[in-house]
Amino acid sequence: MSSSDSPVGKGTLPKAIRGREGQLEPFEWYAEMRRDSPVHFNEERRRWDLFRYEEIDRILGDHETFTSDRGVLADDPARASTRAGRYYRR
């Protein structure tokens, strides 16, 4: 099965885990993302990826700061990245 035959669909998953092998064994990639980039904007997919509980809990609990209603997170990754950076320092 090639990545274009993925049951999940092309473009739905990050490129690193889009193929069959990546879908079957994504654990190393997830560990790397949790360690190196817990809040990550994927340019290709134009989506934010969150990899740690702390970030997910913070974002889900703060609708005023983290919303797509104003288009900040969806349409302006640079501004949103700066805003997220205030909360998530490594």
PDB file of N, CA and C in Angstrom:
ATOM      1  N   MET A   1       0.848  -1.174   0.000  1.00  0.00           N
ATOM      2  CA  MET A   1       0.000   0.000   0.000  1.00  0.00           C
ATOM      3  C   MET A   1       0.892   1.236   0.000  1.00  0.00           C
ATOM      4  N   SER A   2       0.718   2.113  -0.937  1.00  0.00           N
ATOM      5  CA  SER A   2       1.494   3.342  -0.983  1.00  0.00           C
ATOM      6  C   SER A   2       0.800   4.402  -0.143  1.00  0.00           C
ATOM      7  N   SER A   3       1.517   5.526   0.085  1.00  0.00           N
ATOM      8  CA  SER A   3       0.914   6.573   0.907  1.00  0.00           C
ATOM      9  C   SER A   3      -0.328   7.149   0.245  1.00  0.00           C
ATOM     10  N   SER A   4      -0.385   7.117  -1.091  1.00  0.00           N
ATOM     11  CA  SER A   4      -1.575   7.634  -1.762  1.00  0.00           C
ATOM     12  C   SER A   4      -2.764   6.701  -1.592  1.00  0.00           C
ATOM     13  N   ASP A   5      -2.502   5.424  -1.199  1.00  0.00           N
ATOM     14  CA  ASP A   5      -3.574   4.470  -0.951  1.00  0.00           C
ATOM     15  C   ASP A   5      -4.005   4.451   0.508  1.00  0.00           C
ATOM     16  N   SER A   6      -3.479   5.366   1.281  1.00  0.00           N
ATOM     17  CA  SER A   6      -3.763   5.386   2.708  1.00  0.00           C
ATOM     18  C   SER A   6      -5.258   5.462   2.968  1.00  0.00           C
ATOM     19  N   PRO A   7      -5.748   4.635   3.883  1.00  0.00           N
ATOM     20  CA  PRO A   7      -7.167   4.711   4.218  1.00  0.00           C
ATOM     21  C   PRO A   7      -7.537   6.022   4.902  1.00  0.00           C
ATOM     22  N   VAL A   8      -6.557   6.706   5.455  1.00  0.00           N
ATOM     23  CA  VAL A   8      -6.816   7.956   6.153  1.00  0.00           C
ATOM     24  C   VAL A   8      -6.981   9.090   5.155  1.00  0.00           C
ATOM     25  N   GLY A   9      -6.286   9.011   4.038  1.00  0.00           N
ATOM     26  CA  GLY A   9      -6.402  10.042   3.015  1.00  0.00           C
ATOM     27  C   GLY A   9      -5.185  10.933   2.955  1.00  0.00           C
ATOM     28  N   LYS A  10      -4.734  11.217   1.754  1.00  0.00           N
ATOM     29  CA  LYS A  10      -3.567  12.062   1.553  1.00  0.00           C
ATOM     30  C   LYS A  10      -3.833  13.469   2.083  1.00  0.00           C
ATOM     31  N   GLY A  11      -2.861  13.999   2.781  1.00  0.00           N
ATOM     32  CA  GLY A  11      -2.967  15.339   3.303  1.00  0.00           C
ATOM     33  C   GLY A  11      -3.588  15.417   4.685  1.00  0.00           C
ATOM     34  N   THR A  12      -4.192  14.351   5.143  1.00  0.00           N
ATOM     35  CA  THR A  12      -4.801  14.353   6.454  1.00  0.00           C
ATOM     36  C   THR A  12      -3.744  14.229   7.535  1.00  0.00           C
ATOM     37  N   LEU A  13      -2.771  13.389   7.317  1.00  0.00           N
ATOM     38  CA  LEU A  13      -1.707  13.157   8.290  1.00  0.00           C
ATOM     39  C   LEU A  13      -0.458  13.941   7.918  1.00  0.00           C
ATOM     40  N   PRO A  14       0.382  14.266   8.898  1.00  0.00           N
ATOM     41  CA  PRO A  14       1.681  14.857   8.581  1.00  0.00           C
ATOM     42  C   PRO A  14       2.481  13.912   7.685  1.00  0.00           C
ATOM     43  N   LYS A  15       3.290  14.479   6.830  1.00  0.00           N
ATOM     44  CA  LYS A  15       4.047  13.705   5.846  1.00  0.00           C
ATOM     45  C   LYS A  15       4.856  12.574   6.482  1.00  0.00           C
ATOM     46  N   ALA A  16       5.432  12.813   7.649  1.00  0.00           N
ATOM     47  CA  ALA A  16       6.294  11.820   8.298  1.00  0.00           C
ATOM     48  C   ALA A  16       5.570  10.521   8.635  1.00  0.00           C
ATOM     49  N   ILE A  17       4.272  10.572   8.824  1.00  0.00           N
ATOM     50  CA  ILE A  17       3.530   9.360   9.176  1.00  0.00           C
ATOM     51  C   ILE A  17       2.405   9.065   8.184  1.00  0.00           C
ATOM     52  N   ARG A  18       2.534   9.573   6.982  1.00  0.00           N
ATOM     53  CA  ARG A  18       1.482   9.401   5.986  1.00  0.00           C
ATOM     54  C   ARG A  18       1.484   8.010   5.358  1.00  0.00           C
ATOM     55  N   GLY A  19       2.632   7.419   5.165  1.00  0.00           N
ATOM     56  CA  GLY A  19       2.713   6.112   4.525  1.00  0.00           C
ATOM     57  C   GLY A  19       2.325   4.981   5.462  1.00  0.00           C
ATOM     58  N   ARG A  20       2.247   3.802   4.908  1.00  0.00           N
ATOM     59  CA  ARG A  20       1.834   2.631   5.687  1.00  0.00           C
ATOM     60  C   ARG A  20       2.747   2.403   6.890  1.00  0.00           C
ATOM     61  N   GLU A  21       4.059   2.434   6.669  1.00  0.00           N
ATOM     62  CA  GLU A  21       4.997   2.205   7.777  1.00  0.00           C
ATOM     63  C   GLU A  21       4.845   3.263   8.861  1.00  0.00           C
ATOM     64  N   GLY A  22       4.684   4.519   8.459  1.00  0.00           N
ATOM     65  CA  GLY A  22       4.496   5.592   9.428  1.00  0.00           C
ATOM     66  C   GLY A  22       3.218   5.443  10.224  1.00  0.00           C
ATOM     67  N   GLN A  23       2.180   4.947   9.579  1.00  0.00           N
ATOM     68  CA  GLN A  23       0.909   4.756  10.275  1.00  0.00           C
ATOM     69  C   GLN A  23       0.974   3.575  11.240  1.00  0.00           C
ATOM     70  N   LEU A  24       1.756   2.551  10.881  1.00  0.00           N
ATOM     71  CA  LEU A  24       1.874   1.383  11.748  1.00  0.00           C
ATOM     72  C   LEU A  24       2.830   1.612  12.917  1.00  0.00           C
ATOM     73  N   GLU A  25       3.847   2.444  12.710  1.00  0.00           N
ATOM     74  CA  GLU A  25       4.867   2.689  13.732  1.00  0.00           C
ATOM     75  C   GLU A  25       5.150   4.189  13.876  1.00  0.00           C
ATOM     76  N   PRO A  26       4.198   4.973  14.352  1.00  0.00           N
ATOM     77  CA  PRO A  26       4.406   6.422  14.456  1.00  0.00           C
ATOM     78  C   PRO A  26       5.081   6.856  15.763  1.00  0.00           C
ATOM     79  N   PHE A  27       5.390   5.896  16.628  1.00  0.00           N
ATOM     80  CA  PHE A  27       5.774   6.210  17.998  1.00  0.00           C
ATOM     81  C   PHE A  27       7.059   7.019  18.114  1.00  0.00           C
ATOM     82  N   GLU A  28       8.051   6.719  17.308  1.00  0.00           N
ATOM     83  CA  GLU A  28       9.304   7.481  17.350  1.00  0.00           C
ATOM     84  C   GLU A  28       9.066   8.925  16.923  1.00  0.00           C
ATOM     85  N   TRP A  29       8.252   9.108  15.885  1.00  0.00           N
ATOM     86  CA  TRP A  29       7.943  10.463  15.411  1.00  0.00           C
ATOM     87  C   TRP A  29       7.185  11.253  16.480  1.00  0.00           C
ATOM     88  N   TYR A  30       6.189  10.627  17.124  1.00  0.00           N
ATOM     89  CA  TYR A  30       5.444  11.314  18.184  1.00  0.00           C
ATOM     90  C   TYR A  30       6.365  11.691  19.348  1.00  0.00           C
ATOM     91  N   ALA A  31       7.257  10.804  19.725  1.00  0.00           N
ATOM     92  CA  ALA A  31       8.200  11.099  20.811  1.00  0.00           C
ATOM     93  C   ALA A  31       9.095  12.281  20.438  1.00  0.00           C
ATOM     94  N   GLU A  32       9.568  12.300  19.198  1.00  0.00           N
ATOM     95  CA  GLU A  32      10.403  13.406  18.718  1.00  0.00           C
ATOM     96  C   GLU A  32       9.628  14.726  18.751  1.00  0.00           C
ATOM     97  N   MET A  33       8.388  14.707  18.307  1.00  0.00           N
ATOM     98  CA  MET A  33       7.581  15.925  18.291  1.00  0.00           C
ATOM     99  C   MET A  33       7.273  16.392  19.716  1.00  0.00           C
ATOM    100  N   ARG A  34       6.964  15.481  20.618  1.00  0.00           N
ATOM    101  CA  ARG A  34       6.718  15.873  22.020  1.00  0.00           C
ATOM    102  C   ARG A  34       7.961  16.529  22.615  1.00  0.00           C
ATOM    103  N   ARG A  35       9.124  16.000  22.282  1.00  0.00           N
ATOM    104  CA  ARG A  35      10.377  16.505  22.827  1.00  0.00           C
ATOM    105  C   ARG A  35      10.797  17.827  22.168  1.00  0.00           C
ATOM    106  N   ASP A  36      10.744  17.894  20.828  1.00  0.00           N
ATOM    107  CA  ASP A  36      11.337  19.015  20.099  1.00  0.00           C
ATOM    108  C   ASP A  36      10.354  20.105  19.655  1.00  0.00           C
ATOM    109  N   SER A  37       9.102  19.759  19.485  1.00  0.00           N
ATOM    110  CA  SER A  37       8.149  20.725  18.936  1.00  0.00           C
ATOM    111  C   SER A  37       6.734  20.434  19.422  1.00  0.00           C
ATOM    112  N   PRO A  38       6.488  20.594  20.727  1.00  0.00           N
ATOM    113  CA  PRO A  38       5.188  20.196  21.272  1.00  0.00           C
ATOM    114  C   PRO A  38       4.003  21.000  20.735  1.00  0.00           C
ATOM    115  N   VAL A  39       4.242  22.228  20.295  1.00  0.00           N
ATOM    116  CA  VAL A  39       3.220  23.035  19.629  1.00  0.00           C
ATOM    117  C   VAL A  39       3.805  23.384  18.271  1.00  0.00           C
ATOM    118  N   HIS A  40       3.234  22.804  17.227  1.00  0.00           N
ATOM    119  CA  HIS A  40       3.860  22.874  15.906  1.00  0.00           C
ATOM    120  C   HIS A  40       2.832  23.232  14.839  1.00  0.00           C
ATOM    121  N   PHE A  41       3.157  24.242  14.014  1.00  0.00           N
ATOM    122  CA  PHE A  41       2.295  24.566  12.875  1.00  0.00           C
ATOM    123  C   PHE A  41       2.840  23.854  11.651  1.00  0.00           C
ATOM    124  N   ASN A  42       2.028  23.001  11.039  1.00  0.00           N
ATOM    125  CA  ASN A  42       2.418  22.250   9.852  1.00  0.00           C
ATOM    126  C   ASN A  42       2.027  23.077   8.632  1.00  0.00           C
ATOM    127  N   GLU A  43       3.031  23.617   7.933  1.00  0.00           N
ATOM    128  CA  GLU A  43       2.795  24.492   6.779  1.00  0.00           C
ATOM    129  C   GLU A  43       2.043  23.783   5.658  1.00  0.00           C
ATOM    130  N   GLU A  44       2.428  22.555   5.367  1.00  0.00           N
ATOM    131  CA  GLU A  44       1.806  21.815   4.271  1.00  0.00           C
ATOM    132  C   GLU A  44       0.306  21.628   4.506  1.00  0.00           C
ATOM    133  N   ARG A  45      -0.064  21.279   5.721  1.00  0.00           N
ATOM    134  CA  ARG A  45      -1.461  21.008   6.047  1.00  0.00           C
ATOM    135  C   ARG A  45      -2.190  22.232   6.580  1.00  0.00           C
ATOM    136  N   ARG A  46      -1.426  23.297   6.908  1.00  0.00           N
ATOM    137  CA  ARG A  46      -1.981  24.512   7.515  1.00  0.00           C
ATOM    138  C   ARG A  46      -2.807  24.165   8.756  1.00  0.00           C
ATOM    139  N   ARG A  47      -2.194  23.371   9.616  1.00  0.00           N
ATOM    140  CA  ARG A  47      -2.836  22.907  10.848  1.00  0.00           C
ATOM    141  C   ARG A  47      -1.853  22.995  12.011  1.00  0.00           C
ATOM    142  N   TRP A  48      -2.398  23.230  13.191  1.00  0.00           N
ATOM    143  CA  TRP A  48      -1.608  23.166  14.408  1.00  0.00           C
ATOM    144  C   TRP A  48      -1.650  21.744  14.937  1.00  0.00           C
ATOM    145  N   ASP A  49      -0.501  21.238  15.328  1.00  0.00           N
ATOM    146  CA  ASP A  49      -0.383  19.920  15.944  1.00  0.00           C
ATOM    147  C   ASP A  49       0.091  20.119  17.381  1.00  0.00           C
ATOM    148  N   LEU A  50      -0.565  19.466  18.305  1.00  0.00           N
ATOM    149  CA  LEU A  50      -0.210  19.539  19.725  1.00  0.00           C
ATOM    150  C   LEU A  50       0.148  18.141  20.193  1.00  0.00           C
ATOM    151  N   PHE A  51       1.244  18.020  20.943  1.00  0.00           N
ATOM    152  CA  PHE A  51       1.763  16.693  21.256  1.00  0.00           C
ATOM    153  C   PHE A  51       1.871  16.371  22.738  1.00  0.00           C
ATOM    154  N   ARG A  52       1.601  17.332  23.602  1.00  0.00           N
ATOM    155  CA  ARG A  52       1.699  17.046  25.027  1.00  0.00           C
ATOM    156  C   ARG A  52       0.395  17.451  25.729  1.00  0.00           C
ATOM    157  N   TYR A  53       0.094  16.723  26.769  1.00  0.00           N
ATOM    158  CA  TYR A  53      -1.128  16.965  27.532  1.00  0.00           C
ATOM    159  C   TYR A  53      -1.204  18.409  28.032  1.00  0.00           C
ATOM    160  N   GLU A  54      -0.099  18.931  28.531  1.00  0.00           N
ATOM    161  CA  GLU A  54      -0.100  20.267  29.121  1.00  0.00           C
ATOM    162  C   GLU A  54      -0.578  21.310  28.115  1.00  0.00           C
ATOM    163  N   GLU A  55      -0.082  21.243  26.880  1.00  0.00           N
ATOM    164  CA  GLU A  55      -0.480  22.207  25.855  1.00  0.00           C
ATOM    165  C   GLU A  55      -1.942  22.021  25.455  1.00  0.00           C
ATOM    166  N   ILE A  56      -2.339  20.781  25.293  1.00  0.00           N
ATOM    167  CA  ILE A  56      -3.723  20.497  24.907  1.00  0.00           C
ATOM    168  C   ILE A  56      -4.675  20.988  25.989  1.00  0.00           C
ATOM    169  N   ASP A  57      -4.367  20.699  27.248  1.00  0.00           N
ATOM    170  CA  ASP A  57      -5.206  21.127  28.355  1.00  0.00           C
ATOM    171  C   ASP A  57      -5.293  22.650  28.415  1.00  0.00           C
ATOM    172  N   ARG A  58      -4.175  23.327  28.248  1.00  0.00           N
ATOM    173  CA  ARG A  58      -4.140  24.804  28.279  1.00  0.00           C
ATOM    174  C   ARG A  58      -5.004  25.390  27.170  1.00  0.00           C
ATOM    175  N   ILE A  59      -4.859  24.881  25.969  1.00  0.00           N
ATOM    176  CA  ILE A  59      -5.584  25.424  24.822  1.00  0.00           C
ATOM    177  C   ILE A  59      -7.078  25.135  24.927  1.00  0.00           C
ATOM    178  N   LEU A  60      -7.436  23.935  25.328  1.00  0.00           N
ATOM    179  CA  LEU A  60      -8.852  23.605  25.454  1.00  0.00           C
ATOM    180  C   LEU A  60      -9.539  24.402  26.570  1.00  0.00           C
ATOM    181  N   GLY A  61      -8.764  24.826  27.549  1.00  0.00           N
ATOM    182  CA  GLY A  61      -9.338  25.562  28.659  1.00  0.00           C
ATOM    183  C   GLY A  61      -9.327  27.070  28.511  1.00  0.00           C
ATOM    184  N   ASP A  62      -8.745  27.594  27.426  1.00  0.00           N
ATOM    185  CA  ASP A  62      -8.625  29.045  27.250  1.00  0.00           C
ATOM    186  C   ASP A  62      -9.183  29.444  25.888  1.00  0.00           C
ATOM    187  N   HIS A  63     -10.503  29.549  25.816  1.00  0.00           N
ATOM    188  CA  HIS A  63     -11.167  29.850  24.544  1.00  0.00           C
ATOM    189  C   HIS A  63     -10.926  31.286  24.094  1.00  0.00           C
ATOM    190  N   GLU A  64     -10.647  32.176  25.013  1.00  0.00           N
ATOM    191  CA  GLU A  64     -10.423  33.574  24.663  1.00  0.00           C
ATOM    192  C   GLU A  64      -9.117  33.748  23.881  1.00  0.00           C
ATOM    193  N   THR A  65      -8.065  33.082  24.340  1.00  0.00           N
ATOM    194  CA  THR A  65      -6.764  33.206  23.677  1.00  0.00           C
ATOM    195  C   THR A  65      -6.669  32.326  22.441  1.00  0.00           C
ATOM    196  N   PHE A  66      -7.119  31.100  22.556  1.00  0.00           N
ATOM    197  CA  PHE A  66      -6.954  30.127  21.482  1.00  0.00           C
ATOM    198  C   PHE A  66      -8.286  29.869  20.795  1.00  0.00           C
ATOM    199  N   THR A  67      -8.549  30.620  19.754  1.00  0.00           N
ATOM    200  CA  THR A  67      -9.802  30.476  19.024  1.00  0.00           C
ATOM    201  C   THR A  67      -9.549  30.640  17.537  1.00  0.00           C
ATOM    202  N   SER A  68     -10.376  30.034  16.744  1.00  0.00           N
ATOM    203  CA  SER A  68     -10.324  30.269  15.301  1.00  0.00           C
ATOM    204  C   SER A  68     -11.469  31.183  14.879  1.00  0.00           C
ATOM    205  N   ASP A  69     -12.299  31.595  15.837  1.00  0.00           N
ATOM    206  CA  ASP A  69     -13.412  32.488  15.516  1.00  0.00           C
ATOM    207  C   ASP A  69     -12.935  33.788  14.890  1.00  0.00           C
ATOM    208  N   ARG A  70     -11.828  34.292  15.376  1.00  0.00           N
ATOM    209  CA  ARG A  70     -11.266  35.528  14.829  1.00  0.00           C
ATOM    210  C   ARG A  70     -10.270  35.232  13.712  1.00  0.00           C
ATOM    211  N   GLY A  71     -10.029  33.974  13.446  1.00  0.00           N
ATOM    212  CA  GLY A  71      -9.099  33.607  12.389  1.00  0.00           C
ATOM    213  C   GLY A  71      -7.647  33.691  12.790  1.00  0.00           C
ATOM    214  N   VAL A  72      -7.348  33.972  14.045  1.00  0.00           N
ATOM    215  CA  VAL A  72      -5.965  34.157  14.470  1.00  0.00           C
ATOM    216  C   VAL A  72      -5.168  32.874  14.315  1.00  0.00           C
ATOM    217  N   LEU A  73      -5.643  31.782  14.868  1.00  0.00           N
ATOM    218  CA  LEU A  73      -4.877  30.539  14.782  1.00  0.00           C
ATOM    219  C   LEU A  73      -4.938  29.932  13.391  1.00  0.00           C
ATOM    220  N   ALA A  74      -6.060  30.073  12.719  1.00  0.00           N
ATOM    221  CA  ALA A  74      -6.203  29.440  11.414  1.00  0.00           C
ATOM    222  C   ALA A  74      -5.527  30.235  10.307  1.00  0.00           C
ATOM    223  N   ASP A  75      -5.597  31.566  10.375  1.00  0.00           N
ATOM    224  CA  ASP A  75      -5.152  32.373   9.249  1.00  0.00           C
ATOM    225  C   ASP A  75      -3.836  33.094   9.439  1.00  0.00           C
ATOM    226  N   ASP A  76      -3.315  33.153  10.636  1.00  0.00           N
ATOM    227  CA  ASP A  76      -2.103  33.919  10.892  1.00  0.00           C
ATOM    228  C   ASP A  76      -1.149  33.135  11.782  1.00  0.00           C
ATOM    229  N   PRO A  77      -0.469  32.133  11.213  1.00  0.00           N
ATOM    230  CA  PRO A  77       0.405  31.278  12.022  1.00  0.00           C
ATOM    231  C   PRO A  77       1.500  32.040  12.755  1.00  0.00           C
ATOM    232  N   ALA A  78       2.044  33.084  12.149  1.00  0.00           N
ATOM    233  CA  ALA A  78       3.122  33.825  12.803  1.00  0.00           C
ATOM    234  C   ALA A  78       2.612  34.503  14.071  1.00  0.00           C
ATOM    235  N   ARG A  79       1.463  35.141  13.994  1.00  0.00           N
ATOM    236  CA  ARG A  79       0.881  35.813  15.159  1.00  0.00           C
ATOM    237  C   ARG A  79       0.496  34.789  16.226  1.00  0.00           C
ATOM    238  N   ALA A  80      -0.118  33.707  15.803  1.00  0.00           N
ATOM    239  CA  ALA A  80      -0.523  32.676  16.749  1.00  0.00           C
ATOM    240  C   ALA A  80       0.688  32.023  17.391  1.00  0.00           C
ATOM    241  N   SER A  81       1.747  31.825  16.617  1.00  0.00           N
ATOM    242  CA  SER A  81       2.959  31.217  17.146  1.00  0.00           C
ATOM    243  C   SER A  81       3.558  32.101  18.231  1.00  0.00           C
ATOM    244  N   THR A  82       3.566  33.406  18.001  1.00  0.00           N
ATOM    245  CA  THR A  82       4.068  34.340  19.001  1.00  0.00           C
ATOM    246  C   THR A  82       3.213  34.272  20.252  1.00  0.00           C
ATOM    247  N   ARG A  83       1.900  34.237  20.079  1.00  0.00           N
ATOM    248  CA  ARG A  83       0.978  34.164  21.204  1.00  0.00           C
ATOM    249  C   ARG A  83       1.190  32.856  21.963  1.00  0.00           C
ATOM    250  N   ALA A  84       1.274  31.740  21.260  1.00  0.00           N
ATOM    251  CA  ALA A  84       1.481  30.437  21.911  1.00  0.00           C
ATOM    252  C   ALA A  84       2.828  30.404  22.617  1.00  0.00           C
ATOM    253  N   GLY A  85       3.838  31.044  22.028  1.00  0.00           N
ATOM    254  CA  GLY A  85       5.175  31.065  22.615  1.00  0.00           C
ATOM    255  C   GLY A  85       5.238  31.703  23.976  1.00  0.00           C
ATOM    256  N   ARG A  86       4.321  32.635  24.257  1.00  0.00           N
ATOM    257  CA  ARG A  86       4.293  33.266  25.580  1.00  0.00           C
ATOM    258  C   ARG A  86       3.926  32.248  26.651  1.00  0.00           C
ATOM    259  N   TYR A  87       3.166  31.239  26.279  1.00  0.00           N
ATOM    260  CA  TYR A  87       2.701  30.247  27.244  1.00  0.00           C
ATOM    261  C   TYR A  87       3.581  29.013  27.300  1.00  0.00           C
ATOM    262  N   TYR A  88       4.309  28.742  26.241  1.00  0.00           N
ATOM    263  CA  TYR A  88       5.053  27.483  26.157  1.00  0.00           C
ATOM    264  C   TYR A  88       6.527  27.738  25.892  1.00  0.00           C
ATOM    265  N   ARG A  89       7.253  27.934  26.942  1.00  0.00           N
ATOM    266  CA  ARG A  89       8.706  28.087  26.856  1.00  0.00           C
ATOM    267  C   ARG A  89       9.342  26.758  27.225  1.00  0.00           C
ATOM    268  N   ARG A  90      10.338  26.360  26.451  1.00  0.00           N
ATOM    269  CA  ARG A  90      11.039  25.097  26.761  1.00  0.00           C
ATOM    270  C   ARG A  90      12.065  25.311  27.818  1.00  0.00           C
TER     271      ARG A  90
END
